[in-house]
PDB file of N, CA and C in Angstrom:
ATOM      1  N   MET A   1       0.922  -0.963  -0.096  1.00  0.00           N
ATOM      2  CA  MET A   1      -0.254   0.073   0.336  1.00  0.00           C
ATOM      3  C   MET A   1       0.840   1.272   0.056  1.00  0.00           C
ATOM      4  N   PHE A   2       0.610   2.028  -1.046  1.00  0.00           N
ATOM      5  CA  PHE A   2       1.598   3.602  -0.946  1.00  0.00           C
ATOM      6  C   PHE A   2       0.778   4.226   0.270  1.00  0.00           C
ATOM      7  N   SER A   3       1.935   5.211   0.694  1.00  0.00           N
ATOM      8  CA  SER A   3       1.717   6.548   1.446  1.00  0.00           C
ATOM      9  C   SER A   3       1.616   7.448   0.935  1.00  0.00           C
ATOM     10  N   LYS A   4       0.546   8.330   1.511  1.00  0.00           N
ATOM     11  CA  LYS A   4       0.100   9.754   0.878  1.00  0.00           C
ATOM     12  C   LYS A   4       1.282  10.299   0.993  1.00  0.00           C
ATOM     13  N   VAL A   5       2.359  10.259   1.666  1.00  0.00           N
ATOM     14  CA  VAL A   5       3.731  10.867   1.522  1.00  0.00           C
ATOM     15  C   VAL A   5       4.366   9.850   0.212  1.00  0.00           C
ATOM     16  N   PHE A   6       4.571   9.328  -0.446  1.00  0.00           N
ATOM     17  CA  PHE A   6       5.242   8.965  -0.969  1.00  0.00           C
ATOM     18  C   PHE A   6       4.483   9.228  -2.278  1.00  0.00           C
ATOM     19  N   PHE A   7       3.179   9.313  -2.543  1.00  0.00           N
ATOM     20  CA  PHE A   7       2.388   9.383  -3.716  1.00  0.00           C
ATOM     21  C   PHE A   7       2.817  10.972  -3.784  1.00  0.00           C
ATOM     22  N   ARG A   8       3.004  12.027  -2.882  1.00  0.00           N
ATOM     23  CA  ARG A   8       3.116  13.256  -3.039  1.00  0.00           C
ATOM     24  C   ARG A   8       4.189  13.860  -3.785  1.00  0.00           C
ATOM     25  N   TYR A   9       5.621  12.839  -3.522  1.00  0.00           N
ATOM     26  CA  TYR A   9       6.496  13.010  -4.274  1.00  0.00           C
ATOM     27  C   TYR A   9       6.507  12.370  -5.352  1.00  0.00           C
ATOM     28  N   ILE A  10       6.021  11.627  -6.182  1.00  0.00           N
ATOM     29  CA  ILE A  10       5.914  10.857  -7.413  1.00  0.00           C
ATOM     30  C   ILE A  10       5.030  11.461  -7.948  1.00  0.00           C
ATOM     31  N   SER A  11       4.228  12.346  -7.761  1.00  0.00           N
ATOM     32  CA  SER A  11       3.073  12.764  -8.445  1.00  0.00           C
ATOM     33  C   SER A  11       3.307  13.988  -9.052  1.00  0.00           C
ATOM     34  N   PRO A  12       3.528  14.341 -10.724  1.00  0.00           N
ATOM     35  CA  PRO A  12       3.559  15.565 -11.000  1.00  0.00           C
ATOM     36  C   PRO A  12       3.183  16.759 -10.861  1.00  0.00           C
ATOM     37  N   PHE A  13       1.732  16.316 -10.275  1.00  0.00           N
ATOM     38  CA  PHE A  13       0.733  17.647 -10.210  1.00  0.00           C
ATOM     39  C   PHE A  13       0.633  17.841  -8.910  1.00  0.00           C
ATOM     40  N   SER A  14       0.472  18.944  -8.228  1.00  0.00           N
ATOM     41  CA  SER A  14      -0.031  19.292  -6.977  1.00  0.00           C
ATOM     42  C   SER A  14      -1.553  19.663  -7.085  1.00  0.00           C
ATOM     43  N   ILE A  15      -1.882  19.550  -5.681  1.00  0.00           N
ATOM     44  CA  ILE A  15      -3.820  19.666  -5.582  1.00  0.00           C
ATOM     45  C   ILE A  15      -3.105  20.712  -4.282  1.00  0.00           C
ATOM     46  N   ILE A  16      -3.632  22.149  -4.289  1.00  0.00           N
ATOM     47  CA  ILE A  16      -3.868  23.219  -3.649  1.00  0.00           C
ATOM     48  C   ILE A  16      -5.195  23.701  -3.597  1.00  0.00           C
ATOM     49  N   LYS A  17      -5.584  23.671  -2.440  1.00  0.00           N
ATOM     50  CA  LYS A  17      -7.364  23.969  -2.377  1.00  0.00           C
ATOM     51  C   LYS A  17      -7.193  25.841  -2.622  1.00  0.00           C
ATOM     52  N   ASN A  18      -7.951  26.352  -3.291  1.00  0.00           N
ATOM     53  CA  ASN A  18      -8.651  27.309  -3.333  1.00  0.00           C
ATOM     54  C   ASN A  18      -7.576  28.088  -3.851  1.00  0.00           C
ATOM     55  N   MET A  19      -6.401  27.640  -4.959  1.00  0.00           N
ATOM     56  CA  MET A  19      -4.937  28.467  -5.498  1.00  0.00           C
ATOM     57  C   MET A  19      -6.070  29.110  -6.442  1.00  0.00           C
ATOM     58  N   LYS A  20      -7.264  29.522  -6.883  1.00  0.00           N
ATOM     59  CA  LYS A  20      -7.416  30.181  -7.694  1.00  0.00           C
ATOM     60  C   LYS A  20      -8.160  31.679  -7.311  1.00  0.00           C
ATOM     61  N   ASN A  21      -8.720  31.318  -5.739  1.00  0.00           N
ATOM     62  CA  ASN A  21      -9.596  32.046  -5.245  1.00  0.00           C
ATOM     63  C   ASN A  21      -8.825  33.251  -5.046  1.00  0.00           C
ATOM     64  N   PRO A  22      -9.223  34.510  -4.901  1.00  0.00           N
ATOM     65  CA  PRO A  22      -8.424  36.032  -4.525  1.00  0.00           C
ATOM     66  C   PRO A  22      -7.986  35.934  -3.076  1.00  0.00           C
ATOM     67  N   VAL A  23      -6.863  36.671  -2.328  1.00  0.00           N
ATOM     68  CA  VAL A  23      -6.846  36.668  -1.497  1.00  0.00           C
ATOM     69  C   VAL A  23      -6.442  37.729  -0.914  1.00  0.00           C
ATOM     70  N   CYS A  24      -7.348  37.806   0.619  1.00  0.00           N
ATOM     71  CA  CYS A  24      -7.645  39.033   1.090  1.00  0.00           C
ATOM     72  C   CYS A  24      -6.556  40.442   1.180  1.00  0.00           C
ATOM     73  N   LYS A  25      -5.580  40.150   1.546  1.00  0.00           N
ATOM     74  CA  LYS A  25      -4.368  40.959   1.793  1.00  0.00           C
ATOM     75  C   LYS A  25      -4.399  42.224   0.197  1.00  0.00           C
ATOM     76  N   ASN A  26      -5.171  41.320  -1.042  1.00  0.00           N
ATOM     77  CA  ASN A  26      -4.862  42.364  -2.286  1.00  0.00           C
ATOM     78  C   ASN A  26      -5.869  42.939  -2.536  1.00  0.00           C
ATOM     79  N   CYS A  27      -7.445  43.191  -1.690  1.00  0.00           N
ATOM     80  CA  CYS A  27      -8.398  43.532  -1.973  1.00  0.00           C
ATOM     81  C   CYS A  27      -8.488  44.842  -1.313  1.00  0.00           C
ATOM     82  N   LEU A  28      -9.517  45.687  -1.938  1.00  0.00           N
ATOM     83  CA  LEU A  28      -9.560  47.348  -1.341  1.00  0.00           C
ATOM     84  C   LEU A  28      -9.950  47.271  -0.089  1.00  0.00           C
ATOM     85  N   ASN A  29     -10.999  46.267   0.113  1.00  0.00           N
ATOM     86  CA  ASN A  29     -11.713  46.228   1.461  1.00  0.00           C
ATOM     87  C   ASN A  29     -10.908  45.412   2.750  1.00  0.00           C
ATOM     88  N   PHE A  30      -9.695  45.019   2.527  1.00  0.00           N
ATOM     89  CA  PHE A  30      -8.811  44.381   3.492  1.00  0.00           C
ATOM     90  C   PHE A  30      -8.348  45.836   3.986  1.00  0.00           C
ATOM     91  N   SER A  31      -8.005  45.748   5.627  1.00  0.00           N
ATOM     92  CA  SER A  31      -7.129  46.500   6.491  1.00  0.00           C
ATOM     93  C   SER A  31      -6.705  45.897   7.426  1.00  0.00           C
ATOM     94  N   PRO A  32      -5.269  45.696   7.579  1.00  0.00           N
ATOM     95  CA  PRO A  32      -4.944  45.062   8.752  1.00  0.00           C
ATOM     96  C   PRO A  32      -4.952  45.464  10.104  1.00  0.00           C
ATOM     97  N   LEU A  33      -4.848  44.109  10.759  1.00  0.00           N
ATOM     98  CA  LEU A  33      -5.173  44.747  12.381  1.00  0.00           C
ATOM     99  C   LEU A  33      -4.348  45.928  12.739  1.00  0.00           C
ATOM    100  N   ASP A  34      -2.778  45.639  12.445  1.00  0.00           N
ATOM    101  CA  ASP A  34      -1.701  46.838  13.338  1.00  0.00           C
ATOM    102  C   ASP A  34      -1.330  47.537  11.637  1.00  0.00           C
ATOM    103  N   GLU A  35      -1.783  48.565  11.432  1.00  0.00           N
ATOM    104  CA  GLU A  35      -2.041  49.666  10.669  1.00  0.00           C
ATOM    105  C   GLU A  35      -0.250  50.241  10.328  1.00  0.00           C
ATOM    106  N   SER A  36       0.848  49.846  11.293  1.00  0.00           N
ATOM    107  CA  SER A  36       1.976  50.217  11.689  1.00  0.00           C
ATOM    108  C   SER A  36       2.701  49.356  10.478  1.00  0.00           C
ATOM    109  N   SER A  37       2.073  48.066  10.443  1.00  0.00           N
ATOM    110  CA  SER A  37       2.722  46.825   9.898  1.00  0.00           C
ATOM    111  C   SER A  37       2.487  46.407   8.717  1.00  0.00           C
ATOM    112  N   SER A  38       3.338  45.861   7.816  1.00  0.00           N
ATOM    113  CA  SER A  38       3.038  45.866   6.328  1.00  0.00           C
ATOM    114  C   SER A  38       1.998  44.553   5.966  1.00  0.00           C
ATOM    115  N   ILE A  39       1.525  45.230   4.834  1.00  0.00           N
ATOM    116  CA  ILE A  39       0.516  43.592   4.579  1.00  0.00           C
ATOM    117  C   ILE A  39       0.914  42.637   4.538  1.00  0.00           C
ATOM    118  N   GLU A  40       2.163  42.440   3.806  1.00  0.00           N
ATOM    119  CA  GLU A  40       2.776  40.919   4.193  1.00  0.00           C
ATOM    120  C   GLU A  40       2.992  40.451   5.188  1.00  0.00           C
ATOM    121  N   SER A  41       3.459  41.318   6.357  1.00  0.00           N
ATOM    122  CA  SER A  41       3.812  40.605   7.595  1.00  0.00           C
ATOM    123  C   SER A  41       2.169  40.179   8.185  1.00  0.00           C
ATOM    124  N   SER A  42       1.208  40.698   7.913  1.00  0.00           N
ATOM    125  CA  SER A  42      -0.407  41.075   8.373  1.00  0.00           C
ATOM    126  C   SER A  42      -0.879  39.596   8.348  1.00  0.00           C
ATOM    127  N   LYS A  43      -1.159  38.579   9.182  1.00  0.00           N
ATOM    128  CA  LYS A  43      -1.386  37.673   9.001  1.00  0.00           C
ATOM    129  C   LYS A  43      -3.451  37.444   9.000  1.00  0.00           C
ATOM    130  N   PHE A  44      -3.578  38.560  10.128  1.00  0.00           N
ATOM    131  CA  PHE A  44      -5.144  38.776  10.358  1.00  0.00           C
ATOM    132  C   PHE A  44      -5.376  40.363  10.162  1.00  0.00           C
ATOM    133  N   GLY A  45      -6.643  40.390   9.550  1.00  0.00           N
ATOM    134  CA  GLY A  45      -6.848  41.963   9.225  1.00  0.00           C
ATOM    135  C   GLY A  45      -8.753  42.027   9.222  1.00  0.00           C
ATOM    136  N   LEU A  46      -8.762  42.720   9.105  1.00  0.00           N
ATOM    137  CA  LEU A  46     -10.341  43.357   8.858  1.00  0.00           C
ATOM    138  C   LEU A  46     -11.381  43.437   7.315  1.00  0.00           C
ATOM    139  N   CYS A  47     -12.670  43.227   7.423  1.00  0.00           N
ATOM    140  CA  CYS A  47     -13.022  43.375   6.044  1.00  0.00           C
ATOM    141  C   CYS A  47     -13.916  44.750   6.252  1.00  0.00           C
ATOM    142  N   THR A  48     -13.346  45.754   5.713  1.00  0.00           N
ATOM    143  CA  THR A  48     -14.296  46.990   5.294  1.00  0.00           C
ATOM    144  C   THR A  48     -15.363  47.424   4.784  1.00  0.00           C
ATOM    145  N   LYS A  49     -16.173  45.852   4.144  1.00  0.00           N
ATOM    146  CA  LYS A  49     -17.247  45.869   3.518  1.00  0.00           C
ATOM    147  C   LYS A  49     -18.268  45.266   4.490  1.00  0.00           C
ATOM    148  N   PHE A  50     -17.710  44.790   5.682  1.00  0.00           N
ATOM    149  CA  PHE A  50     -18.844  44.347   6.421  1.00  0.00           C
ATOM    150  C   PHE A  50     -18.834  44.607   7.717  1.00  0.00           C
ATOM    151  N   GLY A  51     -19.837  44.968   8.325  1.00  0.00           N
ATOM    152  CA  GLY A  51     -19.356  45.247   9.856  1.00  0.00           C
ATOM    153  C   GLY A  51     -20.711  45.861  10.582  1.00  0.00           C
ATOM    154  N   ALA A  52     -20.505  46.165  11.524  1.00  0.00           N
ATOM    155  CA  ALA A  52     -21.598  46.932  12.125  1.00  0.00           C
ATOM    156  C   ALA A  52     -21.736  48.522  12.871  1.00  0.00           C
ATOM    157  N   LYS A  53     -22.702  49.867  12.949  1.00  0.00           N
ATOM    158  CA  LYS A  53     -22.564  50.407  13.349  1.00  0.00           C
ATOM    159  C   LYS A  53     -23.276  50.851  14.461  1.00  0.00           C
ATOM    160  N   ASN A  54     -22.234  51.298  15.368  1.00  0.00           N
ATOM    161  CA  ASN A  54     -23.271  51.625  17.040  1.00  0.00           C
ATOM    162  C   ASN A  54     -24.032  52.614  16.967  1.00  0.00           C
ATOM    163  N   MET A  55     -25.153  52.656  17.054  1.00  0.00           N
ATOM    164  CA  MET A  55     -26.143  53.370  16.960  1.00  0.00           C
ATOM    165  C   MET A  55     -25.977  54.762  17.688  1.00  0.00           C
ATOM    166  N   ILE A  56     -25.505  54.445  18.974  1.00  0.00           N
ATOM    167  CA  ILE A  56     -25.218  55.423  19.853  1.00  0.00           C
ATOM    168  C   ILE A  56     -23.904  56.198  19.597  1.00  0.00           C
ATOM    169  N   THR A  57     -23.132  55.650  19.523  1.00  0.00           N
ATOM    170  CA  THR A  57     -21.419  56.633  19.020  1.00  0.00           C
ATOM    171  C   THR A  57     -21.105  56.728  17.515  1.00  0.00           C
ATOM    172  N   GLY A  58     -21.585  55.843  16.956  1.00  0.00           N
ATOM    173  CA  GLY A  58     -21.279  56.419  15.456  1.00  0.00           C
ATOM    174  C   GLY A  58     -20.013  55.130  15.099  1.00  0.00           C
ATOM    175  N   GLU A  59     -19.756  54.840  15.694  1.00  0.00           N
ATOM    176  CA  GLU A  59     -18.198  53.886  15.886  1.00  0.00           C
ATOM    177  C   GLU A  59     -18.626  52.441  14.938  1.00  0.00           C
ATOM    178  N   ILE A  60     -18.103  52.575  14.005  1.00  0.00           N
ATOM    179  CA  ILE A  60     -17.984  51.224  12.748  1.00  0.00           C
ATOM    180  C   ILE A  60     -17.056  50.033  13.129  1.00  0.00           C
ATOM    181  N   LYS A  61     -17.305  49.017  13.776  1.00  0.00           N
ATOM    182  CA  LYS A  61     -16.805  47.424  14.237  1.00  0.00           C
ATOM    183  C   LYS A  61     -16.583  46.670  12.993  1.00  0.00           C
ATOM    184  N   TYR A  62     -15.549  46.586  12.333  1.00  0.00           N
ATOM    185  CA  TYR A  62     -15.764  45.548  10.999  1.00  0.00           C
ATOM    186  C   TYR A  62     -15.201  43.980  11.317  1.00  0.00           C
ATOM    187  N   ASP A  63     -16.286  43.478  10.351  1.00  0.00           N
ATOM    188  CA  ASP A  63     -15.604  42.130  10.679  1.00  0.00           C
ATOM    189  C   ASP A  63     -14.203  41.690  10.251  1.00  0.00           C
ATOM    190  N   SER A  64     -13.774  40.524  11.013  1.00  0.00           N
ATOM    191  CA  SER A  64     -12.552  40.003  10.554  1.00  0.00           C
ATOM    192  C   SER A  64     -12.697  39.395   8.970  1.00  0.00           C
ATOM    193  N   ALA A  65     -11.744  39.456   8.749  1.00  0.00           N
ATOM    194  CA  ALA A  65     -11.743  39.019   7.536  1.00  0.00           C
ATOM    195  C   ALA A  65     -11.697  37.481   6.941  1.00  0.00           C
ATOM    196  N   ILE A  66     -11.266  36.555   8.096  1.00  0.00           N
ATOM    197  CA  ILE A  66     -11.144  35.376   7.712  1.00  0.00           C
ATOM    198  C   ILE A  66     -13.287  34.750   8.527  1.00  0.00           C
ATOM    199  N   ASN A  67     -13.127  35.457   9.208  1.00  0.00           N
ATOM    200  CA  ASN A  67     -15.127  35.158   9.331  1.00  0.00           C
ATOM    201  C   ASN A  67     -15.346  35.438   8.222  1.00  0.00           C
ATOM    202  N   CYS A  68     -15.316  36.358   7.023  1.00  0.00           N
ATOM    203  CA  CYS A  68     -16.160  37.187   6.043  1.00  0.00           C
ATOM    204  C   CYS A  68     -16.077  35.903   5.065  1.00  0.00           C
ATOM    205  N   ARG A  69     -14.663  35.436   4.877  1.00  0.00           N
ATOM    206  CA  ARG A  69     -14.082  34.635   4.212  1.00  0.00           C
ATOM    207  C   ARG A  69     -14.617  33.131   4.372  1.00  0.00           C
ATOM    208  N   ASN A  70     -15.044  32.491   5.081  1.00  0.00           N
ATOM    209  CA  ASN A  70     -15.699  31.700   6.261  1.00  0.00           C
ATOM    210  C   ASN A  70     -17.734  31.590   5.692  1.00  0.00           C
ATOM    211  N   ASP A  71     -17.784  33.052   5.675  1.00  0.00           N
ATOM    212  CA  ASP A  71     -19.470  33.242   5.729  1.00  0.00           C
ATOM    213  C   ASP A  71     -19.838  32.959   4.722  1.00  0.00           C
ATOM    214  N   ALA A  72     -20.518  32.101   3.992  1.00  0.00           N
ATOM    215  CA  ALA A  72     -21.856  32.309   2.521  1.00  0.00           C
ATOM    216  C   ALA A  72     -21.920  33.312   2.038  1.00  0.00           C
ATOM    217  N   SER A  73     -22.842  33.981   3.319  1.00  0.00           N
ATOM    218  CA  SER A  73     -23.213  34.883   3.191  1.00  0.00           C
ATOM    219  C   SER A  73     -22.564  36.314   2.821  1.00  0.00           C
ATOM    220  N   LYS A  74     -21.779  36.606   3.123  1.00  0.00           N
ATOM    221  CA  LYS A  74     -20.729  37.428   2.806  1.00  0.00           C
ATOM    222  C   LYS A  74     -19.624  37.067   1.919  1.00  0.00           C
ATOM    223  N   CYS A  75     -18.505  37.366   1.958  1.00  0.00           N
ATOM    224  CA  CYS A  75     -17.491  36.985   0.692  1.00  0.00           C
ATOM    225  C   CYS A  75     -17.415  35.523   0.331  1.00  0.00           C
ATOM    226  N   SER A  76     -17.490  34.313   1.397  1.00  0.00           N
ATOM    227  CA  SER A  76     -17.396  33.092   1.039  1.00  0.00           C
ATOM    228  C   SER A  76     -16.096  32.841   0.918  1.00  0.00           C
ATOM    229  N   ASN A  77     -15.698  31.321   0.690  1.00  0.00           N
ATOM    230  CA  ASN A  77     -14.166  31.151   0.089  1.00  0.00           C
ATOM    231  C   ASN A  77     -14.147  31.271  -1.218  1.00  0.00           C
ATOM    232  N   PHE A  78     -14.740  31.780  -1.632  1.00  0.00           N
ATOM    233  CA  PHE A  78     -14.883  32.061  -3.698  1.00  0.00           C
ATOM    234  C   PHE A  78     -14.412  33.815  -3.859  1.00  0.00           C
ATOM    235  N   GLY A  79     -14.322  34.566  -2.605  1.00  0.00           N
ATOM    236  CA  GLY A  79     -14.390  35.807  -2.726  1.00  0.00           C
ATOM    237  C   GLY A  79     -15.066  36.635  -3.194  1.00  0.00           C
ATOM    238  N   PHE A  80     -16.366  36.468  -3.299  1.00  0.00           N
ATOM    239  CA  PHE A  80     -17.732  37.026  -3.935  1.00  0.00           C
ATOM    240  C   PHE A  80     -17.533  38.697  -3.899  1.00  0.00           C
ATOM    241  N   HIS A  81     -17.135  39.611  -3.009  1.00  0.00           N
ATOM    242  CA  HIS A  81     -16.883  40.849  -3.012  1.00  0.00           C
ATOM    243  C   HIS A  81     -15.771  41.549  -2.791  1.00  0.00           C
ATOM    244  N   PHE A  82     -14.459  40.692  -3.487  1.00  0.00           N
ATOM    245  CA  PHE A  82     -13.661  41.090  -3.841  1.00  0.00           C
ATOM    246  C   PHE A  82     -13.136  42.054  -4.571  1.00  0.00           C
ATOM    247  N   ALA A  83     -12.418  42.865  -4.496  1.00  0.00           N
ATOM    248  CA  ALA A  83     -12.187  44.452  -5.251  1.00  0.00           C
ATOM    249  C   ALA A  83     -10.892  44.251  -5.336  1.00  0.00           C
ATOM    250  N   PRO A  84     -10.276  44.206  -6.675  1.00  0.00           N
ATOM    251  CA  PRO A  84      -9.138  44.279  -6.467  1.00  0.00           C
ATOM    252  C   PRO A  84      -8.441  45.390  -6.226  1.00  0.00           C
ATOM    253  N   ASN A  85      -7.279  46.093  -5.162  1.00  0.00           N
ATOM    254  CA  ASN A  85      -6.733  47.391  -4.819  1.00  0.00           C
ATOM    255  C   ASN A  85      -5.121  47.531  -5.425  1.00  0.00           C
ATOM    256  N   PRO A  86      -5.047  48.586  -6.546  1.00  0.00           N
ATOM    257  CA  PRO A  86      -4.403  48.913  -7.368  1.00  0.00           C
ATOM    258  C   PRO A  86      -3.196  49.134  -6.796  1.00  0.00           C
ATOM    259  N   THR A  87      -3.063  49.618  -5.828  1.00  0.00           N
ATOM    260  CA  THR A  87      -1.699  50.435  -5.017  1.00  0.00           C
ATOM    261  C   THR A  87      -1.250  48.502  -4.290  1.00  0.00           C
ATOM    262  N   ARG A  88      -1.416  47.335  -4.118  1.00  0.00           N
ATOM    263  CA  ARG A  88      -0.921  46.485  -3.703  1.00  0.00           C
ATOM    264  C   ARG A  88      -0.736  45.168  -4.582  1.00  0.00           C
ATOM    265  N   SER A  89       0.271  44.731  -4.974  1.00  0.00           N
ATOM    266  CA  SER A  89       1.088  43.378  -5.788  1.00  0.00           C
ATOM    267  C   SER A  89       0.087  42.409  -5.389  1.00  0.00           C
ATOM    268  N   ILE A  90      -0.640  41.758  -6.750  1.00  0.00           N
ATOM    269  CA  ILE A  90      -1.023  40.790  -6.615  1.00  0.00           C
ATOM    270  C   ILE A  90      -0.269  39.243  -6.968  1.00  0.00           C
ATOM    271  N   ILE A  91      -0.667  38.392  -5.627  1.00  0.00           N
ATOM    272  CA  ILE A  91       0.373  37.099  -5.475  1.00  0.00           C
ATOM    273  C   ILE A  91      -0.553  35.999  -5.700  1.00  0.00           C
TER     274      ILE A  91
END
């Protein structure tokens, strides 16, 4: 019986999930948690497309980007609301 590790080394093709889906850090709506850090070093961030406004203070609390990508009613795994940001390089 062949192990998965052995098969991975002899297979000329790799199967990477979500390879063609857009990346949040390249989206116009993505905001890194730490504004002083670079986008490349940021692992988590916020999605400025989705959130909730506090009706008393007017403060907007944005949803996390990972939650938006995991929610089918928001951006979902496919990045339905992805908007390319021309100032960020597409990877």
